[in-house]
Protein backbone atom coordinates (compact mmCIF):
# COMPACT_ATOMS: atom_id res chain seq x y z
CA MET A 1 37.47 -0.40 30.99
CA ASP A 2 37.16 -2.30 27.72
CA ALA A 3 36.00 -5.93 28.01
CA PRO A 4 38.54 -8.53 27.18
CA GLN A 5 38.68 -9.52 23.58
CA VAL A 6 37.74 -13.43 23.00
CA SER A 7 38.11 -14.84 19.49
CA ASN A 8 34.98 -15.67 17.61
CA LEU A 9 35.29 -19.26 16.67
CA THR A 10 33.42 -19.94 13.41
CA GLY A 11 33.47 -22.39 10.76
CA GLU A 12 32.61 -26.35 10.79
CA TYR A 13 32.43 -28.19 14.18
CA ALA A 14 35.71 -29.82 13.93
CA LEU A 15 37.50 -26.71 13.03
CA ASN A 16 35.73 -24.87 15.76
CA LEU A 17 36.71 -27.63 18.25
CA GLY A 18 40.36 -27.45 17.12
CA LEU A 19 40.25 -23.56 17.43
CA ALA A 20 38.80 -23.79 20.86
CA ILE A 21 41.51 -26.20 21.87
CA GLU A 22 44.12 -23.99 20.40
CA GLU A 23 42.87 -20.95 22.13
CA CYS A 24 42.68 -22.75 25.49
CA ARG A 25 46.21 -24.17 24.96
CA LYS A 26 47.57 -20.64 24.46
CA LEU A 27 45.77 -19.21 27.38
CA LYS A 28 47.04 -21.92 29.58
CA GLY A 29 50.66 -21.35 28.17
CA VAL A 30 51.19 -25.02 27.19
CA ASN A 31 52.94 -25.90 23.89
CA LYS A 32 51.49 -28.33 21.44
CA SER A 33 54.12 -31.08 22.31
CA GLN A 34 53.39 -30.96 26.09
CA LEU A 35 49.65 -31.11 25.42
CA ALA A 36 50.01 -34.00 23.08
CA LYS A 37 52.19 -35.78 25.54
CA ASP A 38 49.86 -35.00 28.63
CA ALA A 39 46.68 -36.17 26.64
CA GLY A 40 48.63 -39.38 25.33
CA LEU A 41 48.37 -38.32 21.72
CA SER A 42 50.80 -37.97 19.00
CA LEU A 43 51.76 -34.48 17.98
CA PRO A 44 50.56 -35.05 14.34
CA TYR A 45 47.13 -36.24 15.58
CA LEU A 46 46.75 -33.28 17.96
CA SER A 47 47.73 -30.93 15.16
CA GLN A 48 45.19 -32.45 12.80
CA ILE A 49 42.48 -31.86 15.40
CA ILE A 50 43.58 -28.29 15.89
CA LYS A 51 43.46 -27.62 12.08
CA GLY A 52 39.95 -29.29 11.70
CA GLN A 53 41.24 -32.18 9.70
CA ARG A 54 40.15 -34.72 12.43
CA GLU A 55 37.28 -34.68 14.80
CA PRO A 56 38.14 -36.22 17.98
CA SER A 57 36.09 -38.72 19.90
CA ILE A 58 34.58 -37.87 23.27
CA SER A 59 37.22 -39.78 25.09
CA ILE A 60 39.97 -37.78 23.14
CA LEU A 61 38.26 -34.62 24.03
CA GLU A 62 38.12 -35.56 27.51
CA LYS A 63 41.81 -36.40 27.67
CA VAL A 64 42.63 -33.04 25.92
CA SER A 65 40.50 -31.16 28.23
CA ALA A 66 41.75 -32.78 31.44
CA SER A 67 45.27 -32.09 30.16
CA LEU A 68 44.32 -28.46 29.95
CA GLY A 69 42.80 -28.65 33.28
CA ILE A 70 39.41 -27.52 32.02
CA PRO A 71 36.02 -29.11 31.65
CA SER A 72 35.23 -30.58 28.18
CA SER A 73 31.85 -28.85 28.28
CA LEU A 74 33.82 -25.56 28.31
CA LEU A 75 35.52 -26.58 25.06
CA ILE A 76 32.33 -27.64 23.42
CA PHE A 77 30.67 -24.33 24.43
CA LEU A 78 33.76 -22.31 22.92
CA ALA A 79 33.37 -24.43 19.74
CA SER A 80 29.63 -23.67 19.40
CA GLU A 81 28.55 -21.78 16.40
CA ASP A 82 26.36 -18.60 16.90
CA SER A 83 23.49 -20.39 15.20
CA GLU A 84 23.51 -23.24 17.80
CA LEU A 85 23.24 -20.63 20.59
CA SER A 86 20.35 -18.83 18.68
CA ALA A 87 18.16 -18.81 22.02
CA ILE A 88 20.81 -16.69 23.75
CA SER A 89 21.15 -12.90 23.19
CA GLU A 90 24.29 -11.64 21.66
CA GLU A 91 25.21 -9.79 24.74
CA THR A 92 24.82 -13.01 26.75
CA LYS A 93 26.92 -15.04 24.36
CA ARG A 94 29.64 -12.31 24.53
CA GLU A 95 29.57 -12.29 28.30
CA LEU A 96 29.52 -16.26 28.57
CA ARG A 97 32.62 -16.17 26.27
CA ILE A 98 34.43 -13.65 28.30
CA ILE A 99 33.68 -15.52 31.53
CA SER A 100 35.03 -18.88 29.89
CA LYS A 101 38.12 -17.21 29.14
CA GLN A 102 38.56 -15.84 32.65
CA LEU A 103 37.77 -19.41 33.99
CA ILE A 104 40.57 -20.70 31.86
CA GLU A 105 42.93 -18.14 32.96
CA ASN A 106 42.01 -18.33 36.71
CA SER A 107 42.50 -21.94 36.70
CA THR A 108 45.94 -21.42 35.27
CA GLU A 109 46.84 -18.86 38.11
CA ARG A 110 45.36 -21.47 40.74
CA ALA A 111 47.55 -24.26 39.34
CA ALA A 112 50.63 -22.09 39.52
CA GLU A 113 49.85 -20.90 43.13
CA THR A 114 49.46 -24.62 44.12
CA LYS A 115 52.92 -25.55 42.52
CA ILE A 116 54.31 -22.47 44.45
CA PHE A 117 52.72 -22.78 47.67
CA GLY A 118 51.88 -26.61 47.48
């Protein structure tokens, strides 16, 4: 069985963080408007973060990650460039990214089950 594909987040840190937020948002099935509302942000500001035009503060990052139901450290890891993870083998980096994606997907499934069976 082929391993799940995880996008390779590259580029400058702000852009990487925006791509990580966008990838997690899509995995969670949340639209941008709802994420912005849940995080207490304007939609234009969230869009600028996603496009790498704005670098969010730690408090904004925490609000976004809380709204997505994932730890902010997971977003930071997904935004890391390969050069920042040079002490980790390529295979381990790939596996960590796959596990990260699975954690995001599983948290979505658990949240749905809680709403159904709550």
